[in-house]
Every structure is written in structure tokens, then in C-alpha cells.
PDB file of N, CA and C in Angstrom:
ATOM      1  N   MET A   1      13.767  24.336 -78.093  1.00  0.00           N
ATOM      2  CA  MET A   1      12.753  23.687 -76.889  1.00  0.00           C
ATOM      3  C   MET A   1      11.093  23.636 -76.887  1.00  0.00           C
ATOM      4  N   LEU A   2      10.684  24.854 -77.582  1.00  0.00           N
ATOM      5  CA  LEU A   2       9.680  25.164 -77.858  1.00  0.00           C
ATOM      6  C   LEU A   2       8.903  23.956 -78.813  1.00  0.00           C
ATOM      7  N   PHE A   3       9.812  23.222 -80.106  1.00  0.00           N
ATOM      8  CA  PHE A   3       9.084  21.450 -80.628  1.00  0.00           C
ATOM      9  C   PHE A   3       8.953  20.466 -79.699  1.00  0.00           C
ATOM     10  N   ARG A   4      10.274  20.430 -78.953  1.00  0.00           N
ATOM     11  CA  ARG A   4       9.804  19.461 -77.745  1.00  0.00           C
ATOM     12  C   ARG A   4       8.352  19.242 -76.726  1.00  0.00           C
ATOM     13  N   SER A   5       8.298  21.183 -76.525  1.00  0.00           N
ATOM     14  CA  SER A   5       7.422  20.921 -75.959  1.00  0.00           C
ATOM     15  C   SER A   5       5.764  21.180 -76.255  1.00  0.00           C
ATOM     16  N   LEU A   6       5.758  21.464 -77.613  1.00  0.00           N
ATOM     17  CA  LEU A   6       4.129  21.220 -78.701  1.00  0.00           C
ATOM     18  C   LEU A   6       4.800  19.510 -79.065  1.00  0.00           C
ATOM     19  N   ARG A   7       5.100  18.802 -78.901  1.00  0.00           N
ATOM     20  CA  ARG A   7       4.983  17.930 -79.516  1.00  0.00           C
ATOM     21  C   ARG A   7       3.956  16.569 -78.734  1.00  0.00           C
ATOM     22  N   ASN A   8       3.841  17.472 -77.467  1.00  0.00           N
ATOM     23  CA  ASN A   8       3.085  16.578 -77.349  1.00  0.00           C
ATOM     24  C   ASN A   8       1.434  16.886 -76.505  1.00  0.00           C
ATOM     25  N   TRP A   9       1.017  17.691 -77.368  1.00  0.00           N
ATOM     26  CA  TRP A   9      -0.114  18.436 -77.733  1.00  0.00           C
ATOM     27  C   TRP A   9      -0.610  18.101 -78.987  1.00  0.00           C
ATOM     28  N   SER A  10      -1.923  17.849 -78.788  1.00  0.00           N
ATOM     29  CA  SER A  10      -2.581  17.763 -80.012  1.00  0.00           C
ATOM     30  C   SER A  10      -4.103  18.055 -80.300  1.00  0.00           C
ATOM     31  N   LEU A  11      -4.576  18.502 -81.235  1.00  0.00           N
ATOM     32  CA  LEU A  11      -4.978  20.346 -81.287  1.00  0.00           C
ATOM     33  C   LEU A  11      -6.314  19.429 -82.628  1.00  0.00           C
ATOM     34  N   ASN A  12      -7.673  19.536 -82.563  1.00  0.00           N
ATOM     35  CA  ASN A  12      -8.858  19.323 -83.595  1.00  0.00           C
ATOM     36  C   ASN A  12      -9.182  20.173 -83.796  1.00  0.00           C
ATOM     37  N   THR A  13      -9.922  20.952 -84.757  1.00  0.00           N
ATOM     38  CA  THR A  13     -11.176  21.302 -85.449  1.00  0.00           C
ATOM     39  C   THR A  13     -11.990  20.625 -86.319  1.00  0.00           C
ATOM     40  N   GLY A  14     -13.390  21.220 -86.066  1.00  0.00           N
ATOM     41  CA  GLY A  14     -14.243  20.738 -87.236  1.00  0.00           C
ATOM     42  C   GLY A  14     -15.534  21.405 -87.235  1.00  0.00           C
ATOM     43  N   VAL A  15     -16.357  21.725 -88.553  1.00  0.00           N
ATOM     44  CA  VAL A  15     -17.049  22.391 -89.090  1.00  0.00           C
ATOM     45  C   VAL A  15     -17.987  21.252 -89.679  1.00  0.00           C
ATOM     46  N   GLY A  16     -19.229  21.543 -90.019  1.00  0.00           N
ATOM     47  CA  GLY A  16     -20.210  20.839 -89.926  1.00  0.00           C
ATOM     48  C   GLY A  16     -21.574  21.459 -90.631  1.00  0.00           C
ATOM     49  N   TYR A  17     -22.021  21.291 -91.643  1.00  0.00           N
ATOM     50  CA  TYR A  17     -23.664  21.812 -92.263  1.00  0.00           C
ATOM     51  C   TYR A  17     -23.845  20.300 -93.144  1.00  0.00           C
ATOM     52  N   THR A  18     -25.920  20.378 -92.119  1.00  0.00           N
ATOM     53  CA  THR A  18     -26.708  19.361 -93.006  1.00  0.00           C
ATOM     54  C   THR A  18     -27.781  20.297 -93.078  1.00  0.00           C
ATOM     55  N   THR A  19     -28.379  19.547 -93.913  1.00  0.00           N
ATOM     56  CA  THR A  19     -29.649  19.886 -94.335  1.00  0.00           C
ATOM     57  C   THR A  19     -30.677  19.265 -95.304  1.00  0.00           C
ATOM     58  N   ALA A  20     -31.837  19.034 -95.077  1.00  0.00           N
ATOM     59  CA  ALA A  20     -33.078  18.023 -95.799  1.00  0.00           C
ATOM     60  C   ALA A  20     -33.997  17.732 -95.827  1.00  0.00           C
ATOM     61  N   LEU A  21     -34.761  17.283 -95.943  1.00  0.00           N
ATOM     62  CA  LEU A  21     -35.938  17.117 -96.497  1.00  0.00           C
ATOM     63  C   LEU A  21     -36.931  16.283 -96.416  1.00  0.00           C
ATOM     64  N   SER A  22     -37.850  16.171 -95.515  1.00  0.00           N
ATOM     65  CA  SER A  22     -38.446  15.321 -95.271  1.00  0.00           C
ATOM     66  C   SER A  22     -40.551  15.075 -95.953  1.00  0.00           C
ATOM     67  N   PHE A  23     -40.034  14.279 -97.512  1.00  0.00           N
ATOM     68  CA  PHE A  23     -41.711  13.941 -97.861  1.00  0.00           C
ATOM     69  C   PHE A  23     -42.667  12.930 -97.517  1.00  0.00           C
ATOM     70  N   GLY A  24     -42.116  12.585 -95.905  1.00  0.00           N
ATOM     71  CA  GLY A  24     -42.801  11.187 -95.213  1.00  0.00           C
ATOM     72  C   GLY A  24     -44.171  12.556 -94.886  1.00  0.00           C
ATOM     73  N   ASN A  25     -44.791  11.356 -93.791  1.00  0.00           N
ATOM     74  CA  ASN A  25     -45.807  11.583 -93.149  1.00  0.00           C
ATOM     75  C   ASN A  25     -45.833  13.063 -92.435  1.00  0.00           C
ATOM     76  N   VAL A  26     -44.997  13.670 -91.710  1.00  0.00           N
ATOM     77  CA  VAL A  26     -44.146  14.554 -91.124  1.00  0.00           C
ATOM     78  C   VAL A  26     -43.908  15.077 -92.355  1.00  0.00           C
ATOM     79  N   GLN A  27     -44.024  16.966 -93.197  1.00  0.00           N
ATOM     80  CA  GLN A  27     -43.623  16.668 -93.981  1.00  0.00           C
ATOM     81  C   GLN A  27     -42.774  18.416 -93.632  1.00  0.00           C
ATOM     82  N   GLY A  28     -41.690  18.995 -94.546  1.00  0.00           N
ATOM     83  CA  GLY A  28     -40.932  19.774 -93.543  1.00  0.00           C
ATOM     84  C   GLY A  28     -39.713  19.687 -93.881  1.00  0.00           C
ATOM     85  N   GLY A  29     -38.462  20.604 -93.763  1.00  0.00           N
ATOM     86  CA  GLY A  29     -37.200  20.728 -93.748  1.00  0.00           C
ATOM     87  C   GLY A  29     -36.212  20.998 -92.102  1.00  0.00           C
ATOM     88  N   TRP A  30     -35.197  20.212 -91.936  1.00  0.00           N
ATOM     89  CA  TRP A  30     -34.315  20.133 -91.223  1.00  0.00           C
ATOM     90  C   TRP A  30     -33.383  20.778 -91.711  1.00  0.00           C
ATOM     91  N   GLY A  31     -32.483  21.647 -90.488  1.00  0.00           N
ATOM     92  CA  GLY A  31     -30.883  21.731 -91.105  1.00  0.00           C
ATOM     93  C   GLY A  31     -30.232  21.917 -89.788  1.00  0.00           C
ATOM     94  N   GLN A  32     -28.621  21.559 -89.675  1.00  0.00           N
ATOM     95  CA  GLN A  32     -28.036  21.928 -88.448  1.00  0.00           C
ATOM     96  C   GLN A  32     -26.510  22.647 -89.327  1.00  0.00           C
ATOM     97  N   VAL A  33     -26.012  22.982 -88.208  1.00  0.00           N
ATOM     98  CA  VAL A  33     -24.236  23.633 -88.540  1.00  0.00           C
ATOM     99  C   VAL A  33     -23.642  23.017 -87.190  1.00  0.00           C
ATOM    100  N   SER A  34     -22.679  22.889 -86.759  1.00  0.00           N
ATOM    101  CA  SER A  34     -21.926  22.119 -85.811  1.00  0.00           C
ATOM    102  C   SER A  34     -20.576  22.758 -85.843  1.00  0.00           C
ATOM    103  N   GLY A  35     -19.892  23.009 -85.026  1.00  0.00           N
ATOM    104  CA  GLY A  35     -18.969  23.498 -84.956  1.00  0.00           C
ATOM    105  C   GLY A  35     -18.216  22.518 -83.934  1.00  0.00           C
ATOM    106  N   SER A  36     -16.881  21.711 -83.819  1.00  0.00           N
ATOM    107  CA  SER A  36     -15.965  21.124 -82.551  1.00  0.00           C
ATOM    108  C   SER A  36     -14.893  21.647 -82.039  1.00  0.00           C
ATOM    109  N   PHE A  37     -14.107  20.993 -81.639  1.00  0.00           N
ATOM    110  CA  PHE A  37     -12.807  21.699 -80.467  1.00  0.00           C
ATOM    111  C   PHE A  37     -12.591  20.515 -80.316  1.00  0.00           C
ATOM    112  N   GLY A  38     -11.244  20.229 -80.602  1.00  0.00           N
ATOM    113  CA  GLY A  38     -10.631  18.991 -79.219  1.00  0.00           C
ATOM    114  C   GLY A  38      -9.625  19.648 -79.101  1.00  0.00           C
ATOM    115  N   MET A  39      -9.133  18.401 -77.884  1.00  0.00           N
ATOM    116  CA  MET A  39      -7.045  18.888 -77.243  1.00  0.00           C
ATOM    117  C   MET A  39      -6.730  18.246 -76.566  1.00  0.00           C
ATOM    118  N   GLY A  40      -5.513  17.438 -76.855  1.00  0.00           N
ATOM    119  CA  GLY A  40      -5.177  16.528 -75.854  1.00  0.00           C
ATOM    120  C   GLY A  40      -3.856  16.020 -75.438  1.00  0.00           C
ATOM    121  N   ARG A  41      -3.074  15.920 -74.139  1.00  0.00           N
ATOM    122  CA  ARG A  41      -2.104  16.086 -74.170  1.00  0.00           C
ATOM    123  C   ARG A  41      -1.115  15.206 -73.092  1.00  0.00           C
ATOM    124  N   GLN A  42       0.022  14.541 -74.092  1.00  0.00           N
ATOM    125  CA  GLN A  42       0.491  13.138 -73.575  1.00  0.00           C
ATOM    126  C   GLN A  42       1.057  13.230 -72.115  1.00  0.00           C
ATOM    127  N   LEU A  43       0.427  12.321 -71.578  1.00  0.00           N
ATOM    128  CA  LEU A  43       1.184  12.486 -69.757  1.00  0.00           C
ATOM    129  C   LEU A  43       1.567  11.739 -69.409  1.00  0.00           C
ATOM    130  N   VAL A  44       2.549  10.719 -70.177  1.00  0.00           N
ATOM    131  CA  VAL A  44       3.496   9.505 -69.840  1.00  0.00           C
ATOM    132  C   VAL A  44       3.398   8.738 -71.483  1.00  0.00           C
ATOM    133  N   LYS A  45       4.096   7.922 -71.798  1.00  0.00           N
ATOM    134  CA  LYS A  45       4.242   7.944 -73.063  1.00  0.00           C
ATOM    135  C   LYS A  45       3.296   6.575 -73.253  1.00  0.00           C
ATOM    136  N   SER A  46       2.031   5.887 -73.284  1.00  0.00           N
ATOM    137  CA  SER A  46       1.084   5.684 -74.064  1.00  0.00           C
ATOM    138  C   SER A  46      -0.157   6.537 -73.013  1.00  0.00           C
ATOM    139  N   LEU A  47      -0.006   7.692 -71.751  1.00  0.00           N
ATOM    140  CA  LEU A  47      -1.266   7.633 -71.936  1.00  0.00           C
ATOM    141  C   LEU A  47      -1.696   9.217 -71.856  1.00  0.00           C
ATOM    142  N   SER A  48      -2.910   9.118 -72.544  1.00  0.00           N
ATOM    143  CA  SER A  48      -3.033  11.165 -72.737  1.00  0.00           C
ATOM    144  C   SER A  48      -3.946  11.390 -71.594  1.00  0.00           C
ATOM    145  N   PHE A  49      -4.336  12.358 -71.905  1.00  0.00           N
ATOM    146  CA  PHE A  49      -5.475  14.082 -71.663  1.00  0.00           C
ATOM    147  C   PHE A  49      -5.829  13.853 -72.811  1.00  0.00           C
ATOM    148  N   VAL A  50      -7.531  13.466 -72.414  1.00  0.00           N
ATOM    149  CA  VAL A  50      -7.994  13.988 -73.853  1.00  0.00           C
ATOM    150  C   VAL A  50      -9.098  15.314 -73.782  1.00  0.00           C
ATOM    151  N   SER A  51      -9.918  15.783 -74.484  1.00  0.00           N
ATOM    152  CA  SER A  51     -11.116  16.599 -74.161  1.00  0.00           C
ATOM    153  C   SER A  51     -11.137  17.106 -75.386  1.00  0.00           C
ATOM    154  N   GLY A  52     -12.540  17.541 -75.203  1.00  0.00           N
ATOM    155  CA  GLY A  52     -13.278  17.811 -76.739  1.00  0.00           C
ATOM    156  C   GLY A  52     -14.897  18.884 -76.314  1.00  0.00           C
ATOM    157  N   PHE A  53     -14.867  19.897 -77.294  1.00  0.00           N
ATOM    158  CA  PHE A  53     -16.273  20.395 -77.029  1.00  0.00           C
ATOM    159  C   PHE A  53     -16.702  20.155 -78.753  1.00  0.00           C
ATOM    160  N   THR A  54     -18.133  20.345 -77.933  1.00  0.00           N
ATOM    161  CA  THR A  54     -18.844  20.410 -79.815  1.00  0.00           C
ATOM    162  C   THR A  54     -20.598  21.349 -79.885  1.00  0.00           C
ATOM    163  N   ALA A  55     -20.450  22.915 -80.680  1.00  0.00           N
ATOM    164  CA  ALA A  55     -21.463  23.202 -80.583  1.00  0.00           C
ATOM    165  C   ALA A  55     -22.281  23.242 -81.548  1.00  0.00           C
ATOM    166  N   SER A  56     -24.287  23.015 -81.451  1.00  0.00           N
ATOM    167  CA  SER A  56     -24.634  22.616 -82.740  1.00  0.00           C
ATOM    168  C   SER A  56     -26.064  22.928 -82.531  1.00  0.00           C
ATOM    169  N   SER A  57     -26.951  24.143 -83.568  1.00  0.00           N
ATOM    170  CA  SER A  57     -27.091  24.169 -83.960  1.00  0.00           C
ATOM    171  C   SER A  57     -28.691  23.811 -84.757  1.00  0.00           C
ATOM    172  N   TYR A  58     -29.819  23.628 -84.325  1.00  0.00           N
ATOM    173  CA  TYR A  58     -30.991  23.352 -85.197  1.00  0.00           C
ATOM    174  C   TYR A  58     -31.660  23.458 -86.020  1.00  0.00           C
ATOM    175  N   ARG A  59     -31.987  24.236 -86.894  1.00  0.00           N
ATOM    176  CA  ARG A  59     -33.517  24.716 -87.599  1.00  0.00           C
ATOM    177  C   ARG A  59     -34.592  23.759 -87.890  1.00  0.00           C
ATOM    178  N   SER A  60     -35.032  24.072 -87.843  1.00  0.00           N
ATOM    179  CA  SER A  60     -36.911  23.163 -88.419  1.00  0.00           C
ATOM    180  C   SER A  60     -37.928  23.851 -88.743  1.00  0.00           C
ATOM    181  N   ASN A  61     -38.584  24.064 -89.760  1.00  0.00           N
ATOM    182  CA  ASN A  61     -39.570  25.176 -89.571  1.00  0.00           C
ATOM    183  C   ASN A  61     -41.037  23.671 -89.168  1.00  0.00           C
ATOM    184  N   ALA A  62     -40.496  22.944 -89.138  1.00  0.00           N
ATOM    185  CA  ALA A  62     -42.129  21.978 -89.089  1.00  0.00           C
ATOM    186  C   ALA A  62     -42.074  21.861 -87.730  1.00  0.00           C
ATOM    187  N   PHE A  63     -41.062  21.471 -86.769  1.00  0.00           N
ATOM    188  CA  PHE A  63     -40.678  21.611 -85.220  1.00  0.00           C
ATOM    189  C   PHE A  63     -39.667  22.661 -84.635  1.00  0.00           C
ATOM    190  N   ALA A  64     -40.815  23.217 -84.050  1.00  0.00           N
ATOM    191  CA  ALA A  64     -39.809  24.539 -83.648  1.00  0.00           C
ATOM    192  C   ALA A  64     -39.189  24.219 -82.710  1.00  0.00           C
ATOM    193  N   ALA A  65     -39.249  23.547 -81.702  1.00  0.00           N
ATOM    194  CA  ALA A  65     -39.010  22.693 -80.103  1.00  0.00           C
ATOM    195  C   ALA A  65     -37.404  22.900 -80.948  1.00  0.00           C
ATOM    196  N   TYR A  66     -36.992  22.332 -81.802  1.00  0.00           N
ATOM    197  CA  TYR A  66     -36.004  22.066 -82.205  1.00  0.00           C
ATOM    198  C   TYR A  66     -34.784  23.314 -82.703  1.00  0.00           C
ATOM    199  N   ASN A  67     -35.515  24.129 -82.708  1.00  0.00           N
ATOM    200  CA  ASN A  67     -34.802  25.238 -83.319  1.00  0.00           C
ATOM    201  C   ASN A  67     -34.053  25.406 -81.373  1.00  0.00           C
ATOM    202  N   ARG A  68     -32.999  24.957 -81.042  1.00  0.00           N
ATOM    203  CA  ARG A  68     -31.923  25.459 -80.387  1.00  0.00           C
ATOM    204  C   ARG A  68     -30.557  24.906 -80.494  1.00  0.00           C
ATOM    205  N   VAL A  69     -29.882  25.852 -79.946  1.00  0.00           N
ATOM    206  CA  VAL A  69     -28.323  25.626 -79.671  1.00  0.00           C
ATOM    207  C   VAL A  69     -28.041  24.362 -78.314  1.00  0.00           C
ATOM    208  N   ILE A  70     -27.430  22.923 -78.739  1.00  0.00           N
ATOM    209  CA  ILE A  70     -26.751  22.489 -77.762  1.00  0.00           C
ATOM    210  C   ILE A  70     -24.955  22.212 -78.434  1.00  0.00           C
ATOM    211  N   TYR A  71     -24.799  21.846 -76.451  1.00  0.00           N
ATOM    212  CA  TYR A  71     -23.529  22.115 -75.817  1.00  0.00           C
ATOM    213  C   TYR A  71     -23.089  21.004 -75.811  1.00  0.00           C
ATOM    214  N   SER A  72     -21.711  20.118 -76.326  1.00  0.00           N
ATOM    215  CA  SER A  72     -20.803  19.087 -75.666  1.00  0.00           C
ATOM    216  C   SER A  72     -19.846  18.947 -75.230  1.00  0.00           C
ATOM    217  N   VAL A  73     -19.666  18.386 -73.590  1.00  0.00           N
ATOM    218  CA  VAL A  73     -18.275  18.637 -73.419  1.00  0.00           C
ATOM    219  C   VAL A  73     -17.682  17.164 -72.877  1.00  0.00           C
ATOM    220  N   VAL A  74     -16.699  16.827 -73.495  1.00  0.00           N
ATOM    221  CA  VAL A  74     -16.139  15.191 -73.063  1.00  0.00           C
ATOM    222  C   VAL A  74     -14.386  15.727 -72.380  1.00  0.00           C
ATOM    223  N   VAL A  75     -14.247  14.574 -71.601  1.00  0.00           N
ATOM    224  CA  VAL A  75     -13.372  14.651 -70.363  1.00  0.00           C
ATOM    225  C   VAL A  75     -12.392  13.480 -70.201  1.00  0.00           C
ATOM    226  N   GLY A  76     -11.470  13.053 -70.950  1.00  0.00           N
ATOM    227  CA  GLY A  76     -11.155  11.315 -70.307  1.00  0.00           C
ATOM    228  C   GLY A  76      -9.864  11.199 -70.541  1.00  0.00           C
ATOM    229  N   LEU A  77      -9.305  10.483 -70.626  1.00  0.00           N
ATOM    230  CA  LEU A  77      -7.970   9.496 -70.963  1.00  0.00           C
ATOM    231  C   LEU A  77      -8.303   8.804 -72.471  1.00  0.00           C
ATOM    232  N   GLY A  78      -7.046   8.568 -72.463  1.00  0.00           N
ATOM    233  CA  GLY A  78      -6.385   8.145 -73.899  1.00  0.00           C
ATOM    234  C   GLY A  78      -5.208   7.112 -73.885  1.00  0.00           C
ATOM    235  N   TYR A  79      -5.399   6.018 -74.462  1.00  0.00           N
ATOM    236  CA  TYR A  79      -3.965   5.353 -74.744  1.00  0.00           C
ATOM    237  C   TYR A  79      -3.602   4.349 -75.720  1.00  0.00           C
ATOM    238  N   SER A  80      -2.479   4.385 -75.216  1.00  0.00           N
ATOM    239  CA  SER A  80      -1.258   3.790 -76.927  1.00  0.00           C
ATOM    240  C   SER A  80      -0.627   3.039 -76.359  1.00  0.00           C
ATOM    241  N   SER A  81      -0.997   2.093 -77.210  1.00  0.00           N
ATOM    242  CA  SER A  81      -0.028   1.295 -77.686  1.00  0.00           C
ATOM    243  C   SER A  81       1.193   1.218 -78.468  1.00  0.00           C
ATOM    244  N   ARG A  82       1.044   2.196 -79.729  1.00  0.00           N
ATOM    245  CA  ARG A  82       1.954   1.842 -80.289  1.00  0.00           C
ATOM    246  C   ARG A  82       1.370   3.879 -81.022  1.00  0.00           C
ATOM    247  N   ASN A  83       1.355   3.988 -81.795  1.00  0.00           N
ATOM    248  CA  ASN A  83       0.991   5.079 -82.646  1.00  0.00           C
ATOM    249  C   ASN A  83      -0.353   5.429 -82.895  1.00  0.00           C
ATOM    250  N   ILE A  84      -1.487   4.481 -82.219  1.00  0.00           N
ATOM    251  CA  ILE A  84      -3.202   5.072 -82.006  1.00  0.00           C
ATOM    252  C   ILE A  84      -3.638   4.799 -81.206  1.00  0.00           C
ATOM    253  N   PRO A  85      -3.786   5.979 -80.927  1.00  0.00           N
ATOM    254  CA  PRO A  85      -4.795   6.477 -79.303  1.00  0.00           C
ATOM    255  C   PRO A  85      -5.792   5.715 -80.058  1.00  0.00           C
ATOM    256  N   ILE A  86      -6.289   5.638 -78.223  1.00  0.00           N
ATOM    257  CA  ILE A  86      -7.695   4.789 -78.176  1.00  0.00           C
ATOM    258  C   ILE A  86      -7.885   6.028 -76.927  1.00  0.00           C
ATOM    259  N   ARG A  87      -9.403   7.125 -76.990  1.00  0.00           N
ATOM    260  CA  ARG A  87      -9.976   7.289 -76.160  1.00  0.00           C
ATOM    261  C   ARG A  87     -11.124   6.643 -75.372  1.00  0.00           C
ATOM    262  N   PHE A  88     -10.931   6.592 -73.927  1.00  0.00           N
ATOM    263  CA  PHE A  88     -12.210   6.124 -72.711  1.00  0.00           C
ATOM    264  C   PHE A  88     -12.525   8.016 -72.481  1.00  0.00           C
ATOM    265  N   PHE A  89     -14.382   7.893 -72.747  1.00  0.00           N
ATOM    266  CA  PHE A  89     -14.214   9.027 -71.359  1.00  0.00           C
ATOM    267  C   PHE A  89     -15.519   8.622 -71.386  1.00  0.00           C
TER     268      PHE A  89
END
């Protein structure tokens, strides 16, 4: 019975790291570290509840205002006519 209950759920996670240098008229470096988590639950055959959370931390020596953490939350519905879901947020 446990498998039957879990097959209607989907979970995902992600981590990212970016760093860059600018040599143009605004010189300096910046970086970003981010993490994400997503969850979905099948409601009926073709319709699912989907949600996600992302946190990103920016770092810049040239622009102090960029040094902050940004959070993003999304909630919506997903539709699938077959095995490929489409998300509507």
C-alpha cells in the first residue's frame, strides 16, 4: 500500500553555483549560490498540484546592494494529457 500512495507524488531538489568577472566599463566579479525544492501531487488522472521553493544568494564586490538572499515560492496546477506534465503557475 505504501507504493500505491507514493506513486502519486513527485519531489525534486537542485543546487547551483555561478561565478563571473566583468572587464567592461563596470569591472568586478559576482557570484550566486542557489538551492531549490519542488513537490507535486496528482489530484486526478490528468491534473496535479505543483509547488516549488528557491533561495538564491548573490555576492558582488562591485555592487554592495546585490549582496542579499532572494526567496521565491510558486504554487499552481499541472496538466498532463499523457506522461509529460505541463505546469500552470
